[in-house]
PDB file of all heavy atoms in Angstrom:
ATOM      1  N   LYS A   1     107.887  97.058 107.397  1.00  0.00           N
ATOM      2  CA  LYS A   1     107.704  95.768 108.172  1.00  0.00           C
ATOM      3  C   LYS A   1     106.538  95.969 108.976  1.00  0.00           C
ATOM      4  O   LYS A   1     105.772  94.992 109.196  1.00  0.00           O
ATOM      5  CB  LYS A   1     108.990  95.500 108.912  1.00  0.00           C
ATOM      6  CG  LYS A   1     110.056  95.026 108.086  1.00  0.00           C
ATOM      7  CD  LYS A   1     111.289  94.576 108.867  1.00  0.00           C
ATOM      8  CE  LYS A   1     112.368  94.160 107.942  1.00  0.00           C
ATOM      9  NZ  LYS A   1     113.381  93.304 108.530  1.00  0.00           N
ATOM     10  N   GLN A   2     106.291  97.193 109.572  1.00  0.00           N
ATOM     11  CA  GLN A   2     105.083  97.404 110.368  1.00  0.00           C
ATOM     12  C   GLN A   2     103.837  97.249 109.540  1.00  0.00           C
ATOM     13  O   GLN A   2     102.813  96.803 110.006  1.00  0.00           O
ATOM     14  CB  GLN A   2     105.162  98.796 111.110  1.00  0.00           C
ATOM     15  CG  GLN A   2     106.222  98.795 112.103  1.00  0.00           C
ATOM     16  CD  GLN A   2     107.633  99.269 111.654  1.00  0.00           C
ATOM     17  OE1 GLN A   2     107.913  99.131 110.443  1.00  0.00           O
ATOM     18  NE2 GLN A   2     108.488  99.511 112.555  1.00  0.00           N
ATOM     19  N   ALA A   3     103.954  97.807 108.246  1.00  0.00           N
ATOM     20  CA  ALA A   3     102.813  97.699 107.348  1.00  0.00           C
ATOM     21  C   ALA A   3     102.493  96.237 107.091  1.00  0.00           C
ATOM     22  O   ALA A   3     101.315  95.906 107.045  1.00  0.00           O
ATOM     23  CB  ALA A   3     103.065  98.469 106.115  1.00  0.00           C
ATOM     24  N   GLU A   4     103.482  95.373 106.938  1.00  0.00           N
ATOM     25  CA  GLU A   4     103.343  93.924 106.715  1.00  0.00           C
ATOM     26  C   GLU A   4     102.462  93.367 107.880  1.00  0.00           C
ATOM     27  O   GLU A   4     101.536  92.587 107.619  1.00  0.00           O
ATOM     28  CB  GLU A   4     104.568  93.108 106.643  1.00  0.00           C
ATOM     29  CG  GLU A   4     105.270  93.424 105.439  1.00  0.00           C
ATOM     30  CD  GLU A   4     106.712  92.720 105.435  1.00  0.00           C
ATOM     31  OE1 GLU A   4     107.321  92.459 106.436  1.00  0.00           O
ATOM     32  OE2 GLU A   4     107.280  92.520 104.305  1.00  0.00           O
ATOM     33  N   TRP A   5     102.809  93.642 109.183  1.00  0.00           N
ATOM     34  CA  TRP A   5     102.073  93.162 110.330  1.00  0.00           C
ATOM     35  C   TRP A   5     100.602  93.635 110.280  1.00  0.00           C
ATOM     36  O   TRP A   5      99.688  92.752 110.526  1.00  0.00           O
ATOM     37  CB  TRP A   5     102.827  93.687 111.589  1.00  0.00           C
ATOM     38  CG  TRP A   5     102.035  93.316 112.787  1.00  0.00           C
ATOM     39  CD1 TRP A   5     101.395  94.272 113.619  1.00  0.00           C
ATOM     40  CD2 TRP A   5     101.807  92.145 113.381  1.00  0.00           C
ATOM     41  NE1 TRP A   5     100.815  93.723 114.707  1.00  0.00           N
ATOM     42  CE2 TRP A   5     101.036  92.321 114.592  1.00  0.00           C
ATOM     43  CE3 TRP A   5     102.168  90.780 113.073  1.00  0.00           C
ATOM     44  CZ2 TRP A   5     100.586  91.262 115.345  1.00  0.00           C
ATOM     45  CZ3 TRP A   5     101.706  89.726 113.872  1.00  0.00           C
ATOM     46  CH2 TRP A   5     100.983  90.006 115.012  1.00  0.00           C
ATOM     47  N   TYR A   6     100.397  94.856 110.020  1.00  0.00           N
ATOM     48  CA  TYR A   6      99.062  95.364 110.110  1.00  0.00           C
ATOM     49  C   TYR A   6      98.201  94.858 108.880  1.00  0.00           C
ATOM     50  O   TYR A   6      97.035  94.579 108.995  1.00  0.00           O
ATOM     51  CB  TYR A   6      98.982  96.857 110.174  1.00  0.00           C
ATOM     52  CG  TYR A   6      99.425  97.308 111.539  1.00  0.00           C
ATOM     53  CD1 TYR A   6     100.641  97.867 111.750  1.00  0.00           C
ATOM     54  CD2 TYR A   6      98.645  97.197 112.623  1.00  0.00           C
ATOM     55  CE1 TYR A   6     101.074  98.303 113.011  1.00  0.00           C
ATOM     56  CE2 TYR A   6      98.993  97.540 113.899  1.00  0.00           C
ATOM     57  CZ  TYR A   6     100.213  98.102 114.113  1.00  0.00           C
ATOM     58  OH  TYR A   6     100.552  98.403 115.368  1.00  0.00           O
ATOM     59  N   LEU A   7      98.924  94.599 107.826  1.00  0.00           N
ATOM     60  CA  LEU A   7      98.186  93.904 106.720  1.00  0.00           C
ATOM     61  C   LEU A   7      97.853  92.534 107.083  1.00  0.00           C
ATOM     62  O   LEU A   7      96.743  92.086 106.727  1.00  0.00           O
ATOM     63  CB  LEU A   7      99.046  93.930 105.446  1.00  0.00           C
ATOM     64  CG  LEU A   7      98.480  93.308 104.159  1.00  0.00           C
ATOM     65  CD1 LEU A   7      97.130  93.974 103.804  1.00  0.00           C
ATOM     66  CD2 LEU A   7      99.403  93.455 103.035  1.00  0.00           C
ATOM     67  N   ALA A   8      98.629  91.789 107.675  1.00  0.00           N
ATOM     68  CA  ALA A   8      98.336  90.447 108.250  1.00  0.00           C
ATOM     69  C   ALA A   8      97.076  90.516 109.218  1.00  0.00           C
ATOM     70  O   ALA A   8      96.212  89.697 109.046  1.00  0.00           O
ATOM     71  CB  ALA A   8      99.482  89.767 108.948  1.00  0.00           C
ATOM     72  N   LEU A   9      97.016  91.429 110.038  1.00  0.00           N
ATOM     73  CA  LEU A   9      95.888  91.559 110.926  1.00  0.00           C
ATOM     74  C   LEU A   9      94.612  91.908 110.081  1.00  0.00           C
ATOM     75  O   LEU A   9      93.535  91.525 110.386  1.00  0.00           O
ATOM     76  CB  LEU A   9      96.088  92.717 111.970  1.00  0.00           C
ATOM     77  CG  LEU A   9      97.337  92.365 112.980  1.00  0.00           C
ATOM     78  CD1 LEU A   9      97.440  93.558 113.936  1.00  0.00           C
ATOM     79  CD2 LEU A   9      97.099  91.070 113.708  1.00  0.00           C
ATOM     80  N   ALA A  10      94.777  92.845 109.121  1.00  0.00           N
ATOM     81  CA  ALA A  10      93.642  93.186 108.280  1.00  0.00           C
ATOM     82  C   ALA A  10      93.203  91.911 107.540  1.00  0.00           C
ATOM     83  O   ALA A  10      91.919  91.690 107.461  1.00  0.00           O
ATOM     84  CB  ALA A  10      94.044  94.224 107.306  1.00  0.00           C
ATOM     85  N   TYR A  11      94.003  91.102 106.977  1.00  0.00           N
ATOM     86  CA  TYR A  11      93.612  89.842 106.404  1.00  0.00           C
ATOM     87  C   TYR A  11      92.870  88.964 107.293  1.00  0.00           C
ATOM     88  O   TYR A  11      91.845  88.384 107.063  1.00  0.00           O
ATOM     89  CB  TYR A  11      94.757  89.104 105.721  1.00  0.00           C
ATOM     90  CG  TYR A  11      95.403  89.698 104.526  1.00  0.00           C
ATOM     91  CD1 TYR A  11      96.758  89.553 104.279  1.00  0.00           C
ATOM     92  CD2 TYR A  11      94.621  90.436 103.544  1.00  0.00           C
ATOM     93  CE1 TYR A  11      97.321  90.073 103.067  1.00  0.00           C
ATOM     94  CE2 TYR A  11      95.224  91.033 102.363  1.00  0.00           C
ATOM     95  CZ  TYR A  11      96.563  90.804 102.253  1.00  0.00           C
ATOM     96  OH  TYR A  11      97.173  91.336 101.114  1.00  0.00           O
ATOM     97  N   LEU A  12      93.424  88.801 108.597  1.00  0.00           N
ATOM     98  CA  LEU A  12      92.869  87.989 109.526  1.00  0.00           C
ATOM     99  C   LEU A  12      91.472  88.528 109.886  1.00  0.00           C
ATOM    100  O   LEU A  12      90.506  87.730 110.008  1.00  0.00           O
ATOM    101  CB  LEU A  12      93.729  87.976 110.803  1.00  0.00           C
ATOM    102  CG  LEU A  12      93.293  87.119 112.011  1.00  0.00           C
ATOM    103  CD1 LEU A  12      93.255  85.638 111.564  1.00  0.00           C
ATOM    104  CD2 LEU A  12      94.139  87.310 113.166  1.00  0.00           C
ATOM    105  N   LYS A  13      91.309  89.746 110.103  1.00  0.00           N
ATOM    106  CA  LYS A  13      89.988  90.425 110.402  1.00  0.00           C
ATOM    107  C   LYS A  13      88.965  90.123 109.295  1.00  0.00           C
ATOM    108  O   LYS A  13      87.779  89.913 109.520  1.00  0.00           O
ATOM    109  CB  LYS A  13      90.202  91.865 110.655  1.00  0.00           C
ATOM    110  CG  LYS A  13      89.030  92.537 111.133  1.00  0.00           C
ATOM    111  CD  LYS A  13      89.273  93.976 111.500  1.00  0.00           C
ATOM    112  CE  LYS A  13      88.048  94.649 111.958  1.00  0.00           C
ATOM    113  NZ  LYS A  13      88.379  96.140 112.419  1.00  0.00           N
ATOM    114  N   ALA A  14      89.370  90.085 108.060  1.00  0.00           N
ATOM    115  CA  ALA A  14      88.554  89.801 106.926  1.00  0.00           C
ATOM    116  C   ALA A  14      88.284  88.371 106.702  1.00  0.00           C
ATOM    117  O   ALA A  14      87.545  88.009 105.778  1.00  0.00           O
ATOM    118  CB  ALA A  14      89.162  90.483 105.609  1.00  0.00           C
ATOM    119  N   GLY A  15      88.944  87.420 107.424  1.00  0.00           N
ATOM    120  CA  GLY A  15      88.738  86.017 107.190  1.00  0.00           C
ATOM    121  C   GLY A  15      89.589  85.524 106.086  1.00  0.00           C
ATOM    122  O   GLY A  15      89.263  84.362 105.654  1.00  0.00           O
ATOM    123  N   GLU A  16      90.521  86.201 105.621  1.00  0.00           N
ATOM    124  CA  GLU A  16      91.408  85.742 104.514  1.00  0.00           C
ATOM    125  C   GLU A  16      92.515  84.967 105.143  1.00  0.00           C
ATOM    126  O   GLU A  16      93.637  85.489 105.186  1.00  0.00           O
ATOM    127  CB  GLU A  16      91.728  86.972 103.668  1.00  0.00           C
ATOM    128  CG  GLU A  16      90.644  87.616 103.020  1.00  0.00           C
ATOM    129  CD  GLU A  16      90.988  88.854 102.190  1.00  0.00           C
ATOM    130  OE1 GLU A  16      91.972  88.613 101.305  1.00  0.00           O
ATOM    131  OE2 GLU A  16      90.535  89.954 102.352  1.00  0.00           O
ATOM    132  N   ARG A  17      92.267  83.778 105.503  1.00  0.00           N
ATOM    133  CA  ARG A  17      93.171  82.975 106.223  1.00  0.00           C
ATOM    134  C   ARG A  17      94.503  82.592 105.475  1.00  0.00           C
ATOM    135  O   ARG A  17      95.570  82.636 105.972  1.00  0.00           O
ATOM    136  CB  ARG A  17      92.461  81.676 106.696  1.00  0.00           C
ATOM    137  CG  ARG A  17      93.242  80.907 107.675  1.00  0.00           C
ATOM    138  CD  ARG A  17      93.172  81.709 109.033  1.00  0.00           C
ATOM    139  NE  ARG A  17      93.965  81.011 110.058  1.00  0.00           N
ATOM    140  CZ  ARG A  17      94.477  81.430 111.130  1.00  0.00           C
ATOM    141  NH1 ARG A  17      94.260  82.763 111.396  1.00  0.00           N
ATOM    142  NH2 ARG A  17      95.091  80.742 111.991  1.00  0.00           N
ATOM    143  N   GLU A  18      94.321  82.267 104.206  1.00  0.00           N
ATOM    144  CA  GLU A  18      95.525  81.900 103.355  1.00  0.00           C
ATOM    145  C   GLU A  18      96.484  83.094 103.239  1.00  0.00           C
ATOM    146  O   GLU A  18      97.636  82.940 103.480  1.00  0.00           O
ATOM    147  CB  GLU A  18      95.106  81.475 101.986  1.00  0.00           C
ATOM    148  CG  GLU A  18      96.297  80.979 101.147  1.00  0.00           C
ATOM    149  CD  GLU A  18      95.827  80.351  99.826  1.00  0.00           C
ATOM    150  OE1 GLU A  18      94.722  79.821  99.752  1.00  0.00           O
ATOM    151  OE2 GLU A  18      96.569  80.521  98.905  1.00  0.00           O
ATOM    152  N   LYS A  19      95.894  84.264 102.978  1.00  0.00           N
ATOM    153  CA  LYS A  19      96.825  85.501 102.880  1.00  0.00           C
ATOM    154  C   LYS A  19      97.471  85.841 104.197  1.00  0.00           C
ATOM    155  O   LYS A  19      98.619  86.155 104.302  1.00  0.00           O
ATOM    156  CB  LYS A  19      96.012  86.713 102.391  1.00  0.00           C
ATOM    157  CG  LYS A  19      95.709  86.652 100.925  1.00  0.00           C
ATOM    158  CD  LYS A  19      94.933  87.894 100.576  1.00  0.00           C
ATOM    159  CE  LYS A  19      94.463  87.807  99.011  1.00  0.00           C
ATOM    160  NZ  LYS A  19      93.807  89.069  98.637  1.00  0.00           N
ATOM    161  N   THR A  20      96.622  85.613 105.259  1.00  0.00           N
ATOM    162  CA  THR A  20      97.202  85.799 106.643  1.00  0.00           C
ATOM    163  C   THR A  20      98.282  84.863 106.972  1.00  0.00           C
ATOM    164  O   THR A  20      99.344  85.325 107.428  1.00  0.00           O
ATOM    165  CB  THR A  20      96.074  85.552 107.735  1.00  0.00           C
ATOM    166  OG1 THR A  20      94.931  86.417 107.458  1.00  0.00           O
ATOM    167  CG2 THR A  20      96.587  85.796 109.149  1.00  0.00           C
ATOM    168  N   ASN A  21      98.192  83.637 106.589  1.00  0.00           N
ATOM    169  CA  ASN A  21      99.154  82.660 106.946  1.00  0.00           C
ATOM    170  C   ASN A  21     100.569  82.966 106.115  1.00  0.00           C
ATOM    171  O   ASN A  21     101.530  82.758 106.690  1.00  0.00           O
ATOM    172  CB  ASN A  21      98.635  81.154 106.644  1.00  0.00           C
ATOM    173  CG  ASN A  21      97.682  80.822 107.622  1.00  0.00           C
ATOM    174  OD1 ASN A  21      97.605  81.237 108.785  1.00  0.00           O
ATOM    175  ND2 ASN A  21      96.762  79.848 107.281  1.00  0.00           N
ATOM    176  N   VAL A  22     100.349  83.341 104.821  1.00  0.00           N
ATOM    177  CA  VAL A  22     101.460  83.638 104.036  1.00  0.00           C
ATOM    178  C   VAL A  22     102.367  84.704 104.664  1.00  0.00           C
ATOM    179  O   VAL A  22     103.515  84.720 104.774  1.00  0.00           O
ATOM    180  CB  VAL A  22     101.130  83.876 102.610  1.00  0.00           C
ATOM    181  CG1 VAL A  22     102.244  84.528 101.818  1.00  0.00           C
ATOM    182  CG2 VAL A  22     100.545  82.689 101.861  1.00  0.00           C
ATOM    183  N   LEU A  23     101.663  85.822 105.031  1.00  0.00           N
ATOM    184  CA  LEU A  23     102.270  86.953 105.638  1.00  0.00           C
ATOM    185  C   LEU A  23     102.905  86.636 106.995  1.00  0.00           C
ATOM    186  O   LEU A  23     104.024  87.015 107.283  1.00  0.00           O
ATOM    187  CB  LEU A  23     101.277  88.054 105.685  1.00  0.00           C
ATOM    188  CG  LEU A  23     101.918  89.595 105.453  1.00  0.00           C
ATOM    189  CD1 LEU A  23     102.857  89.634 104.292  1.00  0.00           C
ATOM    190  CD2 LEU A  23     100.796  90.500 105.230  1.00  0.00           C
ATOM    191  N   LEU A  24     102.112  85.905 107.834  1.00  0.00           N
ATOM    192  CA  LEU A  24     102.613  85.551 109.186  1.00  0.00           C
ATOM    193  C   LEU A  24     103.952  84.776 109.065  1.00  0.00           C
ATOM    194  O   LEU A  24     104.843  84.825 109.778  1.00  0.00           O
ATOM    195  CB  LEU A  24     101.565  84.884 109.909  1.00  0.00           C
ATOM    196  CG  LEU A  24     100.486  85.627 110.436  1.00  0.00           C
ATOM    197  CD1 LEU A  24      99.347  84.827 111.254  1.00  0.00           C
ATOM    198  CD2 LEU A  24     100.961  86.798 111.416  1.00  0.00           C
ATOM    199  N   GLU A  25     103.892  83.837 108.031  1.00  0.00           N
ATOM    200  CA  GLU A  25     105.082  82.921 107.832  1.00  0.00           C
ATOM    201  C   GLU A  25     106.262  83.788 107.382  1.00  0.00           C
ATOM    202  O   GLU A  25     107.315  83.500 107.990  1.00  0.00           O
ATOM    203  CB  GLU A  25     104.718  81.957 106.755  1.00  0.00           C
ATOM    204  CG  GLU A  25     105.768  80.861 106.420  1.00  0.00           C
ATOM    205  CD  GLU A  25     106.010  79.941 107.643  1.00  0.00           C
ATOM    206  OE1 GLU A  25     105.035  79.681 108.291  1.00  0.00           O
ATOM    207  OE2 GLU A  25     107.120  79.388 107.738  1.00  0.00           O
ATOM    208  N   LYS A  26     106.076  84.723 106.631  1.00  0.00           N
ATOM    209  CA  LYS A  26     107.264  85.570 106.089  1.00  0.00           C
ATOM    210  C   LYS A  26     107.725  86.410 107.341  1.00  0.00           C
ATOM    211  O   LYS A  26     108.947  86.472 107.664  1.00  0.00           O
ATOM    212  CB  LYS A  26     106.716  86.534 105.084  1.00  0.00           C
ATOM    213  CG  LYS A  26     107.727  87.553 104.616  1.00  0.00           C
ATOM    214  CD  LYS A  26     107.190  88.484 103.554  1.00  0.00           C
ATOM    215  CE  LYS A  26     108.260  89.360 103.008  1.00  0.00           C
ATOM    216  NZ  LYS A  26     108.229  90.707 103.286  1.00  0.00           N
ATOM    217  N   ILE A  27     106.891  86.995 108.135  1.00  0.00           N
ATOM    218  CA  ILE A  27     107.239  87.821 109.304  1.00  0.00           C
ATOM    219  C   ILE A  27     107.961  87.029 110.324  1.00  0.00           C
ATOM    220  O   ILE A  27     108.950  87.309 110.804  1.00  0.00           O
ATOM    221  CB  ILE A  27     105.970  88.454 109.832  1.00  0.00           C
ATOM    222  CG1 ILE A  27     105.423  89.531 108.871  1.00  0.00           C
ATOM    223  CG2 ILE A  27     106.260  89.194 111.191  1.00  0.00           C
ATOM    224  CD1 ILE A  27     104.012  89.978 109.279  1.00  0.00           C
ATOM    225  N   SER A  28     107.416  85.725 110.620  1.00  0.00           N
ATOM    226  CA  SER A  28     107.967  84.960 111.648  1.00  0.00           C
ATOM    227  C   SER A  28     109.350  84.384 111.321  1.00  0.00           C
ATOM    228  O   SER A  28     110.111  83.902 112.191  1.00  0.00           O
ATOM    229  CB  SER A  28     107.093  83.738 111.957  1.00  0.00           C
ATOM    230  OG  SER A  28     106.925  82.909 110.915  1.00  0.00           O
ATOM    231  N   LYS A  29     109.650  84.423 110.008  1.00  0.00           N
ATOM    232  CA  LYS A  29     111.007  83.873 109.615  1.00  0.00           C
ATOM    233  C   LYS A  29     112.084  85.005 109.610  1.00  0.00           C
ATOM    234  O   LYS A  29     113.307  84.772 109.309  1.00  0.00           O
ATOM    235  CB  LYS A  29     110.998  83.266 108.327  1.00  0.00           C
ATOM    236  CG  LYS A  29     110.294  81.895 108.274  1.00  0.00           C
ATOM    237  CD  LYS A  29     110.183  81.192 107.024  1.00  0.00           C
ATOM    238  CE  LYS A  29     109.621  79.862 107.070  1.00  0.00           C
ATOM    239  NZ  LYS A  29     109.578  79.222 105.767  1.00  0.00           N
ATOM    240  N   ASP A  30     111.665  86.245 109.846  1.00  0.00           N
ATOM    241  CA  ASP A  30     112.559  87.329 109.764  1.00  0.00           C
ATOM    242  C   ASP A  30     112.931  87.811 111.160  1.00  0.00           C
ATOM    243  O   ASP A  30     112.205  88.451 111.811  1.00  0.00           O
ATOM    244  CB  ASP A  30     111.878  88.516 109.087  1.00  0.00           C
ATOM    245  CG  ASP A  30     112.775  89.776 108.879  1.00  0.00           C
ATOM    246  OD1 ASP A  30     113.841  89.849 109.429  1.00  0.00           O
ATOM    247  OD2 ASP A  30     112.328  90.723 108.222  1.00  0.00           O
ATOM    248  N   ALA A  31     114.146  87.434 111.602  1.00  0.00           N
ATOM    249  CA  ALA A  31     114.597  87.608 113.006  1.00  0.00           C
ATOM    250  C   ALA A  31     114.637  89.127 113.237  1.00  0.00           C
ATOM    251  O   ALA A  31     114.622  89.452 114.499  1.00  0.00           O
ATOM    252  CB  ALA A  31     115.913  86.932 113.255  1.00  0.00           C
ATOM    253  N   LYS A  32     114.737  89.958 112.315  1.00  0.00           N
ATOM    254  CA  LYS A  32     114.899  91.378 112.507  1.00  0.00           C
ATOM    255  C   LYS A  32     113.507  92.088 112.356  1.00  0.00           C
ATOM    256  O   LYS A  32     113.464  93.355 112.568  1.00  0.00           O
ATOM    257  CB  LYS A  32     115.897  92.023 111.517  1.00  0.00           C
ATOM    258  CG  LYS A  32     117.232  91.509 111.717  1.00  0.00           C
ATOM    259  CD  LYS A  32     118.317  92.212 110.722  1.00  0.00           C
ATOM    260  CE  LYS A  32     119.604  91.729 110.961  1.00  0.00           C
ATOM    261  NZ  LYS A  32     120.552  92.300 110.000  1.00  0.00           N
ATOM    262  N   HIS A  33     112.445  91.340 112.168  1.00  0.00           N
ATOM    263  CA  HIS A  33     111.098  91.996 112.055  1.00  0.00           C
ATOM    264  C   HIS A  33     110.620  92.365 113.367  1.00  0.00           C
ATOM    265  O   HIS A  33     110.735  91.598 114.367  1.00  0.00           O
ATOM    266  CB  HIS A  33     110.128  90.999 111.306  1.00  0.00           C
ATOM    267  CG  HIS A  33     108.969  91.652 110.723  1.00  0.00           C
ATOM    268  ND1 HIS A  33     107.967  92.195 111.605  1.00  0.00           N
ATOM    269  CD2 HIS A  33     108.596  91.888 109.528  1.00  0.00           C
ATOM    270  CE1 HIS A  33     106.985  92.702 110.849  1.00  0.00           C
ATOM    271  NE2 HIS A  33     107.402  92.577 109.490  1.00  0.00           N
ATOM    272  N   PRO A  34     110.112  93.596 113.614  1.00  0.00           N
ATOM    273  CA  PRO A  34     109.787  94.026 114.894  1.00  0.00           C
ATOM    274  C   PRO A  34     108.502  93.227 115.475  1.00  0.00           C
ATOM    275  O   PRO A  34     108.270  93.301 116.690  1.00  0.00           O
ATOM    276  CB  PRO A  34     109.270  95.451 114.725  1.00  0.00           C
ATOM    277  CG  PRO A  34     109.041  95.661 113.278  1.00  0.00           C
ATOM    278  CD  PRO A  34     109.945  94.679 112.562  1.00  0.00           C
TER     279      PRO A  34
END
C-alpha cells in the first residue's frame, strides 16, 4: 500500500495525470489504506 502511494507521487511528478488519478482513486476508496 505504501508502494502504491509513492507510485502515485512518481506518476504525478512525471506529469502522468491519468495514471495518477487512477491510483489516487483506488487509494482514496480503501478505508484501511495508510
